Amino acid sequence: MDSEEHVCPVCGQPVETVVKRHKTLGAWVPVWVAGPCRNPECEAYAEPGAEREKGAPGKPVEKQS
């Protein structure tokens, strides 16, 4: 695990650490990455709930054309 604190690359403010996953050799592996910036004065600011592009777990995601 990574013990360093993640920061926003634009404003340098600390951001939360989120868990994402990727598939390696047929198994899902957790990856800890920097979450979205919550500083409203930052260019990289993400509204609360905006980081969720995929649907809720167990529900199909509608295809965009």
Protein backbone atom coordinates (compact mmCIF):
# COMPACT_ATOMS: atom_id res chain seq x y z
CA MET A 1 0.00 0.00 0.00
CA ASP A 2 0.96 3.56 -0.58
CA SER A 3 1.33 5.62 2.61
CA GLU A 4 1.87 8.97 0.91
CA GLU A 5 -0.91 11.56 0.86
CA HIS A 6 -2.31 12.41 -2.57
CA VAL A 7 -2.58 16.05 -3.68
CA CYS A 8 -4.32 17.83 -6.55
CA PRO A 9 -1.86 18.34 -9.44
CA VAL A 10 -3.36 21.79 -10.19
CA CYS A 11 -3.71 23.51 -6.79
CA GLY A 12 -1.67 21.25 -4.50
CA GLN A 13 -4.47 20.79 -1.93
CA PRO A 14 -4.73 17.34 -0.32
CA VAL A 15 -7.37 15.08 -1.88
CA GLU A 16 -8.93 11.88 -0.61
CA THR A 17 -7.57 8.50 -1.61
CA VAL A 18 -10.02 6.34 -3.55
CA VAL A 19 -9.83 2.68 -4.48
CA LYS A 20 -10.13 1.69 -8.12
CA ARG A 21 -9.46 -1.71 -9.57
CA HIS A 22 -7.96 -3.32 -12.63
CA LYS A 23 -7.82 -6.86 -13.87
CA THR A 24 -4.44 -8.62 -13.79
CA LEU A 25 -4.05 -12.25 -14.80
CA GLY A 26 -7.79 -12.83 -14.40
CA ALA A 27 -8.07 -11.33 -10.90
CA TRP A 28 -9.33 -7.91 -9.88
CA VAL A 29 -6.58 -6.00 -8.07
CA PRO A 30 -7.22 -2.86 -5.95
CA VAL A 31 -5.31 0.32 -6.81
CA TRP A 32 -5.29 3.34 -4.48
CA VAL A 33 -5.34 6.61 -6.48
CA ALA A 34 -5.99 10.29 -5.87
CA GLY A 35 -9.64 11.26 -5.75
CA PRO A 36 -11.22 14.37 -7.27
CA CYS A 37 -10.31 17.87 -6.08
CA ARG A 38 -12.87 19.47 -3.73
CA ASN A 39 -11.38 22.99 -3.73
CA PRO A 40 -14.03 25.22 -5.42
CA GLU A 41 -11.35 27.74 -6.44
CA CYS A 42 -9.34 25.10 -8.34
CA GLU A 43 -9.57 24.56 -12.13
CA ALA A 44 -9.79 20.79 -11.53
CA TYR A 45 -12.72 21.11 -9.08
CA ALA A 46 -15.24 18.26 -9.25
CA GLU A 47 -18.78 18.67 -7.95
CA PRO A 48 -19.73 16.12 -5.27
CA GLY A 49 -21.04 13.01 -7.03
CA ALA A 50 -19.49 14.02 -10.37
CA GLU A 51 -16.70 11.42 -10.19
CA ARG A 52 -19.20 8.61 -10.62
CA GLU A 53 -19.47 8.10 -14.38
CA LYS A 54 -20.55 4.47 -14.19
CA GLY A 55 -23.84 3.27 -12.82
CA ALA A 56 -24.44 1.94 -9.36
CA PRO A 57 -23.03 -1.51 -8.65
CA GLY A 58 -25.30 -4.24 -9.98
CA LYS A 59 -27.22 -1.94 -12.31
CA PRO A 60 -26.57 -1.76 -16.06
CA VAL A 61 -25.07 1.40 -17.50
CA GLU A 62 -26.94 3.00 -20.38
CA LYS A 63 -24.90 3.27 -23.55
CA GLN A 64 -24.34 6.76 -24.91
CA SER A 65 -24.46 7.15 -28.67
